[in-house]
Amino acid sequence: MRMLNALLLAATLVGCAHQAWAQQHSHSAQPMVAQAPQTPAPPPPSASPPAAAMAHGDMHAPTIFTLRSGIAQGRMVYLGVGGEIDGKVNPMLVVHEGETVQINLINGEGAEHDIVIDQYAARSDRVLGIGASSTLAFTADKTGEFIYFCSIAGHREAGMEGRIQVTPGARATVATIAPEIVRDPTDLPAPIRARPPQVVRVDLETVELKGQLDNKITYNFWTFNGKVPGPFVRVRVGDTVEVHLKNDETSLMYHSVDFHAATGPGGGAEFTQTEPGQEKVVTFKALIPGLFVYHCATPSVPHHITNGMYGLILVEPEGGLPQVDREFYVMQGELYTAKRFGMPGHQEMDYEKLISERPEYFLFNGAVGALTKSHPLRARPGETVRIFFGVGGPNFTSSFHVIGEIFDHVYEGASLGAMPITGVQTVSVPPGGATVVDFKVDRPGRYVLVDHALSRLERGLAGYLLVDGPSDDDLMHSGLAKR
């Protein structure tokens, strides 16, 4: 008992001495902050991955919790960080059968700690210094309630013990609390192929709306046509593009559009600064084939872009692109919110984080789970897939990668006038840039779309390509090679 009292006294003194430091530096630990309902989870039954993928969980999009060691009510405890467990003492961690679970441990007061779950043979490294961190991971293949605890002598008895509940069955579909702003990746026009140049009218409406960012989280998005990204515009080289930009009468802000495919002042932005309830028109000639970003260019430009005002325009070369079986439209962006990643409720934009480039969220097509829970990409073995990929940003370069696939053809910089390069694993795409990748899917499974700056997985950035069909074990199987 004397040793326990000494431990508590030492931890309390260290915690008091460093309380101000921890408050000032809490953001440095935030890349690990997340919680289960806000983490991309396996798709609902209507979008179920193959059974083999479910059996091993999802290693690249786990259910994540973050705990910080601390002192509460005179005891040594784990404190929940982020999401619905934020600030809770020794919180109950709820997961579902088959999920891959990741628990992050942050040292909050300087005593030595770890976290152990005996039933899953899962254990973190020990952390000693304030701010030091470690993780553990396991697949929740047993249901029931289990104990997590600190194995340092006396710490469990001093209060560092909580429960993890593994519930049978898959996680339920996220409840809708606001309009969905996600652009379906299949929402793009058909190829143009061979036709003479013509005048193409493009109608864009700028709409400001409160949309669903994640489970129990909303955000005030600014959009083109009510979705993020804006509509996929498809023309051919030599076309005359007539853009009608209407700013919805309920908007509070001026908006505009800058087409990177256009040659002229501001890409059209100087002619399209549009007040609420008004409409402006700009016309340009599509001179160069390629895949180009468009975005709002009204001050503050990064504010308008981060809120969702970006999209892609494809200028097909004469005769079009080589034919593929499936085409998808994917864009990456960032959100700079006042609250930490995963905190429930309404999130507001934080201008200080925006200009210092400290995003809370990295997103495909506008929301957490956009391409996992809501609109996963789908194909069948033997089909050829093309992804039109762009980065709205406004600030971060993407290292675009599909885990388990190799790009057969990549049009570097989305230059469609050059020969594509072949056999590419990862493509760098800068903010305001784009690429086109083609590949054939040969084996069923769940392939994860990522930015290979993989810490961004824990900030919401993941997508699924679900390939259903008979398995081909010659390409990959568990165990030894067949002889």
Protein backbone atom coordinates (compact mmCIF):
# COMPACT_ATOMS: atom_id res chain seq x y z
CA MET A 1 0.00 0.00 0.00
CA ARG A 2 2.90 2.31 0.82
CA MET A 3 4.35 1.70 -2.68
CA LEU A 4 0.97 2.43 -4.30
CA ASN A 5 0.60 5.72 -2.44
CA ALA A 6 4.11 6.71 -3.49
CA LEU A 7 3.31 5.93 -7.14
CA LEU A 8 0.14 8.01 -7.02
CA LEU A 9 1.91 10.93 -5.35
CA ALA A 10 4.76 10.89 -7.88
CA ALA A 11 2.41 10.68 -10.84
CA THR A 12 0.25 13.50 -9.45
CA LEU A 13 3.25 15.78 -8.95
CA VAL A 14 4.57 15.08 -12.45
CA GLY A 15 1.10 15.67 -13.91
CA CYS A 16 0.75 19.05 -12.18
CA ALA A 17 4.23 20.16 -13.22
CA HIS A 18 3.53 19.39 -16.83
CA GLN A 19 -0.15 20.29 -17.17
CA ALA A 20 0.50 23.54 -19.02
CA TRP A 21 3.07 21.84 -21.27
CA ALA A 22 0.60 19.12 -22.20
CA GLN A 23 -2.10 21.66 -23.08
CA GLN A 24 0.28 23.62 -25.29
CA HIS A 25 1.61 20.55 -27.08
CA SER A 26 -1.45 18.32 -27.30
CA HIS A 27 -1.65 18.79 -31.09
CA SER A 28 1.63 16.95 -31.59
CA ALA A 29 -0.06 13.72 -30.59
CA GLN A 30 -3.19 14.25 -32.67
CA PRO A 31 -2.23 12.20 -35.75
CA MET A 32 -3.09 9.17 -33.63
CA VAL A 33 -6.36 10.59 -32.25
CA ALA A 34 -9.44 8.70 -33.40
CA GLN A 35 -12.32 6.57 -32.17
CA ALA A 36 -14.23 3.66 -33.54
CA PRO A 37 -17.43 5.21 -34.95
CA GLN A 38 -15.40 7.87 -36.76
CA THR A 39 -12.96 5.39 -38.26
CA PRO A 40 -13.61 3.90 -41.67
CA ALA A 41 -15.27 0.55 -40.92
CA PRO A 42 -16.05 -2.49 -43.07
CA PRO A 43 -18.85 -1.69 -45.55
CA PRO A 44 -22.46 -2.51 -44.60
CA PRO A 45 -24.02 -5.76 -45.89
CA SER A 46 -24.99 -4.15 -49.19
CA ALA A 47 -21.32 -3.43 -49.80
CA SER A 48 -19.73 -6.44 -48.14
CA PRO A 49 -16.18 -7.42 -49.07
CA PRO A 50 -15.33 -11.03 -49.88
CA ALA A 51 -15.42 -13.43 -46.93
CA ALA A 52 -11.65 -13.95 -47.03
CA ALA A 53 -11.08 -10.25 -46.47
CA MET A 54 -13.51 -10.15 -43.55
CA ALA A 55 -11.84 -13.15 -41.89
CA HIS A 56 -8.60 -11.21 -41.45
CA GLY A 57 -10.11 -7.80 -40.67
CA ASP A 58 -8.95 -4.69 -42.46
CA MET A 59 -5.28 -4.04 -41.76
CA HIS A 60 -5.22 -0.76 -43.65
CA ALA A 61 -8.41 0.77 -42.23
CA PRO A 62 -8.60 -0.40 -38.60
CA THR A 63 -10.98 0.69 -35.87
CA ILE A 64 -8.87 3.10 -33.82
CA PHE A 65 -8.97 4.26 -30.20
CA THR A 66 -6.54 6.56 -28.41
CA LEU A 67 -5.91 6.47 -24.66
CA ARG A 68 -3.73 8.79 -22.56
CA SER A 69 -2.38 7.86 -19.14
CA GLY A 70 -3.34 10.26 -16.37
CA ILE A 71 -4.66 10.84 -12.86
CA ALA A 72 -8.39 11.10 -12.11
CA GLN A 73 -10.25 10.89 -8.80
CA GLY A 74 -7.01 10.07 -7.03
CA ARG A 75 -6.29 7.06 -9.22
CA MET A 76 -3.94 6.23 -12.08
CA VAL A 77 -6.18 5.75 -15.15
CA TYR A 78 -6.47 5.68 -18.90
CA LEU A 79 -8.28 8.73 -20.35
CA GLY A 80 -10.09 8.53 -23.69
CA VAL A 81 -8.89 10.91 -26.41
CA GLY A 82 -11.13 11.96 -29.31
CA GLY A 83 -14.58 10.95 -30.47
CA GLU A 84 -17.21 9.69 -28.05
CA ILE A 85 -14.65 8.43 -25.52
CA ASP A 86 -12.99 11.85 -25.17
CA GLY A 87 -12.21 12.58 -21.52
CA LYS A 88 -13.81 9.38 -20.22
CA VAL A 89 -11.98 7.44 -17.52
CA ASN A 90 -11.04 3.88 -18.50
CA PRO A 91 -13.64 4.04 -21.29
CA MET A 92 -15.49 1.02 -22.62
CA LEU A 93 -14.13 0.36 -26.15
CA VAL A 94 -16.84 -1.09 -28.39
CA VAL A 95 -15.85 -2.94 -31.57
CA HIS A 96 -17.46 -5.51 -33.84
CA GLU A 97 -16.53 -9.07 -34.62
CA GLY A 98 -13.98 -9.36 -37.42
CA GLU A 99 -12.69 -5.78 -37.16
CA THR A 100 -9.00 -5.02 -36.91
CA VAL A 101 -8.53 -2.93 -33.77
CA GLN A 102 -5.72 -0.46 -33.10
CA ILE A 103 -5.24 1.12 -29.67
CA ASN A 104 -2.85 4.06 -29.34
CA LEU A 105 -1.33 4.76 -25.93
CA ILE A 106 0.08 8.21 -25.08
CA ASN A 107 2.02 8.87 -21.89
CA GLY A 108 0.31 11.83 -20.23
CA GLU A 109 2.18 12.23 -16.93
CA GLY A 110 5.64 10.67 -17.12
CA ALA A 111 5.28 7.40 -15.23
CA GLU A 112 6.06 4.16 -17.08
CA HIS A 113 3.00 2.49 -18.67
CA ASP A 114 1.84 -0.05 -21.24
CA ILE A 115 -1.46 -1.59 -22.29
CA VAL A 116 -2.20 -5.33 -22.43
CA ILE A 117 -5.17 -7.48 -23.52
CA ASP A 118 -4.40 -11.04 -22.43
CA GLN A 119 -7.27 -12.72 -24.32
CA TYR A 120 -5.88 -11.49 -27.63
CA ALA A 121 -2.20 -11.82 -26.66
CA ALA A 122 -1.88 -8.12 -27.54
CA ARG A 123 0.63 -5.85 -25.82
CA SER A 124 2.06 -2.40 -26.50
CA ASP A 125 5.65 -1.30 -25.86
CA ARG A 126 6.24 0.51 -22.59
CA VAL A 127 6.20 4.32 -22.71
CA LEU A 128 8.11 6.42 -20.18
CA GLY A 129 8.53 10.07 -21.18
CA ILE A 130 5.63 12.52 -21.36
CA GLY A 131 4.21 12.48 -24.88
CA ALA A 132 5.83 9.14 -25.74
CA SER A 133 3.44 6.76 -27.47
CA SER A 134 2.98 3.19 -28.64
CA THR A 135 0.28 1.08 -30.27
CA LEU A 136 -1.11 -2.41 -30.24
CA ALA A 137 -3.31 -4.12 -32.84
CA PHE A 138 -5.34 -7.32 -33.07
CA THR A 139 -8.23 -8.85 -34.98
CA ALA A 140 -11.41 -9.12 -32.90
CA ASP A 141 -12.14 -12.77 -33.69
CA LYS A 142 -13.62 -13.57 -30.24
CA THR A 143 -16.82 -11.95 -28.95
CA GLY A 144 -17.51 -10.89 -25.38
CA GLU A 145 -16.07 -8.45 -22.83
CA PHE A 146 -12.35 -8.40 -22.17
CA ILE A 147 -10.02 -6.44 -19.88
CA TYR A 148 -7.32 -4.03 -21.00
CA PHE A 149 -4.84 -3.00 -18.30
CA CYS A 150 -1.35 -1.71 -17.48
CA SER A 151 1.07 -4.52 -16.58
CA ILE A 152 3.54 -2.32 -14.63
CA ALA A 153 3.60 -3.54 -11.02
CA GLY A 154 0.86 -1.90 -8.98
CA HIS A 155 -0.66 0.16 -11.83
CA ARG A 156 -3.61 -2.12 -12.54
CA GLU A 157 -4.46 -2.17 -8.85
CA ALA A 158 -4.13 1.63 -8.80
CA GLY A 159 -6.89 1.99 -11.36
CA MET A 160 -5.45 1.42 -14.88
CA GLU A 161 -8.01 -1.11 -16.08
CA GLY A 162 -10.89 -0.89 -18.56
CA ARG A 163 -13.06 -3.09 -20.76
CA ILE A 164 -13.32 -3.78 -24.46
CA GLN A 165 -16.59 -5.15 -25.79
CA VAL A 166 -16.55 -7.21 -29.00
CA THR A 167 -20.09 -7.34 -30.41
CA PRO A 168 -21.20 -10.13 -32.79
CA GLY A 169 -21.88 -9.15 -36.40
CA ALA A 170 -20.85 -6.28 -38.62
CA ARG A 171 -21.08 -2.62 -37.64
CA ALA A 172 -24.38 -0.97 -38.54
CA THR A 173 -24.60 1.59 -41.32
CA VAL A 174 -23.79 5.13 -40.22
CA ALA A 175 -26.93 7.05 -39.23
CA THR A 176 -27.73 10.02 -41.47
CA ILE A 177 -27.92 13.31 -39.57
CA ALA A 178 -27.39 15.70 -42.52
CA PRO A 179 -27.45 15.58 -46.33
CA GLU A 180 -24.77 13.45 -47.97
CA ILE A 181 -22.29 15.54 -49.95
CA VAL A 182 -20.22 12.63 -51.31
CA ARG A 183 -19.79 12.45 -55.09
CA ASP A 184 -20.35 8.84 -56.21
CA PRO A 185 -17.12 7.79 -57.98
CA THR A 186 -19.21 6.30 -60.81
CA ASP A 187 -20.93 9.66 -61.43
CA LEU A 188 -19.16 10.73 -64.61
CA PRO A 189 -20.20 11.06 -68.27
CA ALA A 190 -19.53 8.35 -70.83
CA PRO A 191 -16.48 8.62 -73.12
CA ILE A 192 -16.87 10.97 -76.08
CA ARG A 193 -14.88 8.93 -78.60
CA ALA A 194 -14.97 10.27 -82.18
CA ARG A 195 -16.97 13.42 -82.89
CA PRO A 196 -16.12 16.84 -84.30
CA PRO A 197 -15.50 19.80 -81.96
CA GLN A 198 -18.63 21.56 -80.73
CA VAL A 199 -19.91 24.02 -78.14
CA VAL A 200 -20.41 22.29 -74.78
CA ARG A 201 -22.50 24.02 -72.11
CA VAL A 202 -21.50 23.39 -68.48
CA ASP A 203 -23.87 24.39 -65.67
CA LEU A 204 -22.35 24.87 -62.22
CA GLU A 205 -24.27 26.05 -59.18
CA THR A 206 -22.43 27.02 -56.02
CA VAL A 207 -24.32 25.69 -52.99
CA GLU A 208 -23.45 26.18 -49.32
CA LEU A 209 -24.94 23.50 -47.08
CA LYS A 210 -24.50 21.69 -43.80
CA GLY A 211 -23.52 18.14 -44.79
CA GLN A 212 -22.46 14.92 -43.11
CA LEU A 213 -18.70 14.69 -42.57
CA ASP A 214 -18.74 11.46 -40.55
CA ASN A 215 -20.86 9.53 -38.07
CA LYS A 216 -22.48 12.13 -35.77
CA ILE A 217 -20.36 14.91 -37.34
CA THR A 218 -21.48 17.74 -39.66
CA TYR A 219 -19.66 20.53 -41.48
CA ASN A 220 -20.61 23.59 -43.54
CA PHE A 221 -19.51 22.55 -47.03
CA TRP A 222 -19.27 24.92 -49.99
CA THR A 223 -19.87 22.96 -53.17
CA PHE A 224 -20.35 22.92 -56.89
CA ASN A 225 -23.78 21.35 -57.51
CA GLY A 226 -24.20 20.14 -53.93
CA LYS A 227 -21.49 17.46 -53.92
CA VAL A 228 -17.75 17.09 -53.25
CA PRO A 229 -16.01 17.06 -55.62
CA GLY A 230 -17.98 19.06 -58.18
CA PRO A 231 -19.34 17.40 -61.32
CA PHE A 232 -16.92 15.64 -63.67
CA VAL A 233 -16.80 17.73 -66.85
CA ARG A 234 -15.95 15.86 -70.07
CA VAL A 235 -15.10 17.54 -73.37
CA ARG A 236 -12.75 16.87 -76.28
CA VAL A 237 -9.82 18.87 -77.54
CA GLY A 238 -11.05 21.67 -79.78
CA ASP A 239 -14.41 22.04 -78.02
CA THR A 240 -15.67 25.46 -76.98
CA VAL A 241 -16.69 25.28 -73.32
CA GLU A 242 -19.47 27.65 -72.21
CA VAL A 243 -19.64 27.72 -68.40
CA HIS A 244 -22.72 29.09 -66.64
CA LEU A 245 -21.91 29.71 -62.97
CA LYS A 246 -24.92 30.41 -60.76
CA ASN A 247 -24.49 31.30 -57.09
CA ASP A 248 -27.44 29.99 -55.08
CA GLU A 249 -29.56 32.77 -53.57
CA THR A 250 -29.15 31.29 -50.08
CA SER A 251 -25.35 31.59 -50.22
CA LEU A 252 -23.56 33.99 -47.90
CA MET A 253 -20.38 34.20 -49.99
CA TYR A 254 -19.28 35.29 -53.44
CA HIS A 255 -18.00 32.33 -55.50
CA SER A 256 -16.21 31.80 -58.82
CA VAL A 257 -14.49 29.11 -60.89
CA ASP A 258 -10.93 28.76 -62.19
CA PHE A 259 -10.44 26.04 -64.84
CA HIS A 260 -6.85 24.82 -65.15
CA ALA A 261 -7.86 23.60 -68.62
CA ALA A 262 -8.52 27.19 -69.78
CA THR A 263 -6.13 29.74 -71.26
CA GLY A 264 -7.09 33.24 -70.11
CA PRO A 265 -7.24 35.52 -67.03
CA GLY A 266 -7.54 33.48 -63.85
CA GLY A 267 -8.75 30.43 -65.76
CA GLY A 268 -12.12 32.19 -65.92
CA ALA A 269 -12.14 33.38 -62.32
CA GLU A 270 -11.91 37.06 -63.27
CA PHE A 271 -15.14 36.74 -65.27
CA THR A 272 -17.08 34.62 -62.79
CA GLN A 273 -16.93 36.40 -59.41
CA THR A 274 -20.61 35.90 -58.63
CA GLU A 275 -22.69 37.27 -55.78
CA PRO A 276 -25.53 35.25 -54.20
CA GLY A 277 -28.54 34.89 -56.49
CA GLN A 278 -26.61 35.95 -59.61
CA GLU A 279 -25.21 34.11 -62.65
CA LYS A 280 -22.07 34.71 -64.71
CA VAL A 281 -20.92 33.09 -67.98
CA VAL A 282 -17.40 32.48 -69.26
CA THR A 283 -16.40 30.72 -72.50
CA PHE A 284 -13.02 29.18 -73.31
CA LYS A 285 -11.46 26.92 -75.90
CA ALA A 286 -10.17 23.49 -74.82
CA LEU A 287 -6.78 23.62 -76.52
CA ILE A 288 -4.76 20.90 -74.76
CA PRO A 289 -5.83 17.33 -73.97
CA GLY A 290 -5.45 16.30 -70.33
CA LEU A 291 -7.16 15.95 -66.96
CA PHE A 292 -7.36 19.28 -65.16
CA VAL A 293 -8.55 20.59 -61.78
CA TYR A 294 -11.08 23.38 -61.48
CA HIS A 295 -11.80 25.22 -58.23
CA CYS A 296 -13.25 28.35 -56.70
CA ALA A 297 -10.88 31.31 -56.82
CA THR A 298 -12.58 33.84 -54.55
CA PRO A 299 -10.60 35.12 -51.52
CA SER A 300 -9.78 33.44 -49.28
CA VAL A 301 -9.03 30.94 -52.06
CA PRO A 302 -7.74 28.12 -49.77
CA HIS A 303 -10.84 28.57 -47.58
CA HIS A 304 -13.17 28.06 -50.55
CA ILE A 305 -11.16 25.06 -51.78
CA THR A 306 -10.89 23.27 -48.42
CA ASN A 307 -14.65 23.60 -47.95
CA GLY A 308 -15.16 21.43 -51.05
CA MET A 309 -15.07 23.72 -54.09
CA TYR A 310 -12.98 21.66 -56.52
CA GLY A 311 -13.53 19.20 -59.36
CA LEU A 312 -12.03 17.75 -62.55
CA ILE A 313 -12.45 18.48 -66.25
CA LEU A 314 -11.27 15.90 -68.78
CA VAL A 315 -10.23 17.17 -72.21
CA GLU A 316 -10.10 14.00 -74.29
CA PRO A 317 -7.56 13.76 -77.11
CA GLU A 318 -8.92 13.42 -80.62
CA GLY A 319 -10.38 9.92 -80.90
CA GLY A 320 -10.61 9.52 -77.10
CA LEU A 321 -8.73 7.32 -74.64
CA PRO A 322 -8.23 3.56 -74.93
CA GLN A 323 -11.37 1.74 -73.88
CA VAL A 324 -11.66 0.22 -70.38
CA ASP A 325 -14.45 -1.67 -68.59
CA ARG A 326 -14.93 0.73 -65.67
CA GLU A 327 -14.11 4.38 -64.97
CA PHE A 328 -14.07 6.08 -61.55
CA TYR A 329 -13.80 9.68 -60.35
CA VAL A 330 -11.82 10.25 -57.13
CA MET A 331 -10.47 13.43 -55.55
CA GLN A 332 -8.51 14.08 -52.37
CA GLY A 333 -8.87 17.07 -50.08
CA GLU A 334 -8.24 18.31 -46.55
CA LEU A 335 -10.37 19.91 -43.83
CA TYR A 336 -9.06 22.23 -41.12
CA THR A 337 -11.53 21.99 -38.26
CA ALA A 338 -11.57 23.73 -34.89
CA LYS A 339 -12.31 20.51 -33.04
CA ARG A 340 -9.99 17.52 -33.19
CA PHE A 341 -10.50 14.72 -35.68
CA GLY A 342 -13.45 12.50 -34.77
CA MET A 343 -15.10 14.81 -32.23
CA PRO A 344 -18.90 14.48 -32.59
CA GLY A 345 -21.15 17.45 -33.29
CA HIS A 346 -20.80 20.30 -35.74
CA GLN A 347 -17.26 21.05 -36.94
CA GLU A 348 -16.24 24.58 -37.97
CA MET A 349 -13.33 25.68 -40.16
CA ASP A 350 -10.23 26.88 -38.29
CA TYR A 351 -8.45 29.59 -40.32
CA GLU A 352 -5.34 29.47 -38.12
CA LYS A 353 -4.90 25.75 -38.90
CA LEU A 354 -5.60 26.40 -42.58
CA ILE A 355 -2.89 28.99 -43.09
CA SER A 356 -0.39 26.99 -41.00
CA GLU A 357 -1.28 23.79 -42.92
CA ARG A 358 -2.39 21.64 -39.97
CA PRO A 359 -5.41 19.68 -41.25
CA GLU A 360 -7.55 17.51 -38.99
CA TYR A 361 -9.05 15.48 -41.86
CA PHE A 362 -7.77 13.99 -45.12
CA LEU A 363 -10.64 12.86 -47.34
CA PHE A 364 -11.57 11.12 -50.56
CA ASN A 365 -14.69 12.63 -52.19
CA GLY A 366 -15.55 14.91 -49.32
CA ALA A 367 -16.27 12.79 -46.23
CA VAL A 368 -14.90 10.09 -43.94
CA GLY A 369 -15.98 6.73 -45.33
CA ALA A 370 -17.03 8.21 -48.67
CA LEU A 371 -15.42 5.38 -50.64
CA THR A 372 -15.64 2.69 -47.95
CA LYS A 373 -19.03 2.86 -46.26
CA SER A 374 -20.96 5.02 -48.74
CA HIS A 375 -19.72 4.43 -52.28
CA PRO A 376 -16.97 1.79 -52.61
CA LEU A 377 -15.63 1.19 -56.11
CA ARG A 378 -16.65 -2.16 -57.62
CA ALA A 379 -15.28 -4.41 -60.36
CA ARG A 380 -14.97 -8.07 -61.33
CA PRO A 381 -11.86 -10.14 -62.05
CA GLY A 382 -10.57 -9.67 -65.58
CA GLU A 383 -11.97 -6.16 -65.94
CA THR A 384 -9.89 -3.10 -66.74
CA VAL A 385 -10.27 -0.12 -64.42
CA ARG A 386 -9.46 3.55 -64.97
CA ILE A 387 -9.30 6.05 -62.12
CA PHE A 388 -9.38 9.77 -62.84
CA PHE A 389 -7.65 11.09 -59.71
CA GLY A 390 -7.11 14.68 -58.66
CA VAL A 391 -6.07 16.64 -55.58
CA GLY A 392 -8.19 19.63 -54.61
CA GLY A 393 -6.01 20.18 -51.56
CA PRO A 394 -5.53 23.00 -50.96
CA ASN A 395 -2.08 22.19 -49.56
CA PHE A 396 -0.91 18.56 -49.52
CA THR A 397 0.59 16.37 -52.25
CA SER A 398 -0.84 12.85 -52.52
CA SER A 399 1.14 9.67 -53.08
CA PHE A 400 -1.77 7.82 -54.67
CA HIS A 401 -1.61 4.03 -54.35
CA VAL A 402 -3.99 1.06 -54.56
CA ILE A 403 -2.79 -1.56 -52.08
CA GLY A 404 -2.46 -4.93 -53.80
CA GLU A 405 -2.48 -3.58 -57.36
CA ILE A 406 0.08 -2.23 -59.85
CA PHE A 407 -0.90 0.47 -62.33
CA ASP A 408 -0.49 -0.89 -65.86
CA HIS A 409 -0.52 2.62 -67.35
CA VAL A 410 -0.05 6.04 -65.76
CA TYR A 411 -0.44 9.32 -67.62
CA GLU A 412 2.08 11.39 -65.68
CA GLY A 413 0.74 14.79 -64.73
CA ALA A 414 -2.47 13.72 -66.53
CA SER A 415 -0.72 14.55 -69.81
CA LEU A 416 -2.83 12.69 -72.37
CA GLY A 417 -0.68 13.80 -75.29
CA ALA A 418 2.28 11.72 -74.09
CA MET A 419 2.78 7.98 -73.92
CA PRO A 420 1.81 6.54 -70.53
CA ILE A 421 4.45 4.93 -68.33
CA THR A 422 3.93 1.32 -67.27
CA GLY A 423 4.23 -0.86 -64.16
CA VAL A 424 3.84 1.91 -61.55
CA GLN A 425 3.21 1.38 -57.84
CA THR A 426 2.57 4.91 -56.52
CA VAL A 427 1.89 8.25 -58.22
CA SER A 428 2.70 11.67 -56.77
CA VAL A 429 -0.05 14.23 -57.43
CA PRO A 430 0.39 17.81 -56.20
CA PRO A 431 -2.46 20.02 -54.98
CA GLY A 432 -4.20 21.37 -58.04
CA GLY A 433 -2.89 18.42 -60.06
CA ALA A 434 -4.30 15.18 -61.45
CA THR A 435 -3.40 11.83 -62.93
CA VAL A 436 -5.02 9.02 -64.90
CA VAL A 437 -4.23 5.41 -64.00
CA ASP A 438 -5.35 2.19 -65.71
CA PHE A 439 -5.01 -1.38 -64.44
CA LYS A 440 -6.54 -4.81 -64.83
CA VAL A 441 -7.95 -6.53 -61.74
CA ASP A 442 -7.03 -10.22 -61.75
CA ARG A 443 -7.97 -11.52 -58.30
CA PRO A 444 -11.03 -11.02 -56.07
CA GLY A 445 -10.59 -9.18 -52.79
CA ARG A 446 -10.76 -5.79 -51.16
CA TYR A 447 -8.15 -3.36 -52.48
CA VAL A 448 -7.60 -0.21 -50.43
CA LEU A 449 -7.11 3.19 -52.05
CA VAL A 450 -4.69 5.28 -50.03
CA ASP A 451 -2.33 8.18 -49.99
CA HIS A 452 0.93 6.38 -49.18
CA ALA A 453 1.66 9.06 -46.61
CA LEU A 454 -0.04 6.40 -44.52
CA SER A 455 -0.56 8.37 -41.32
CA ARG A 456 -3.43 9.97 -43.23
CA LEU A 457 -5.32 6.68 -42.96
CA GLU A 458 -5.94 7.68 -39.36
CA ARG A 459 -7.32 11.03 -40.49
CA GLY A 460 -10.07 9.51 -42.66
CA LEU A 461 -8.28 8.83 -45.96
CA ALA A 462 -9.18 5.38 -47.30
CA GLY A 463 -11.27 3.93 -50.09
CA TYR A 464 -12.22 0.42 -51.21
CA LEU A 465 -12.15 -1.26 -54.58
CA LEU A 466 -14.28 -4.39 -54.07
CA VAL A 467 -13.60 -7.13 -56.61
CA ASP A 468 -16.14 -9.97 -56.45
CA GLY A 469 -15.72 -13.29 -58.23
CA PRO A 470 -14.09 -16.71 -58.09
CA SER A 471 -10.71 -16.77 -56.36
CA ASP A 472 -7.45 -17.33 -58.26
CA ASP A 473 -5.07 -18.89 -55.74
CA ASP A 474 -2.25 -19.04 -58.30
CA LEU A 475 -1.89 -15.26 -57.94
CA MET A 476 -1.93 -15.21 -54.14
CA HIS A 477 -2.82 -17.62 -51.36
CA SER A 478 -2.05 -18.21 -47.72
CA GLY A 479 0.78 -20.63 -47.00
CA LEU A 480 3.54 -22.33 -48.95
CA ALA A 481 3.97 -22.31 -52.70
CA LYS A 482 2.37 -25.16 -54.62
CA ARG A 483 4.94 -27.65 -55.94
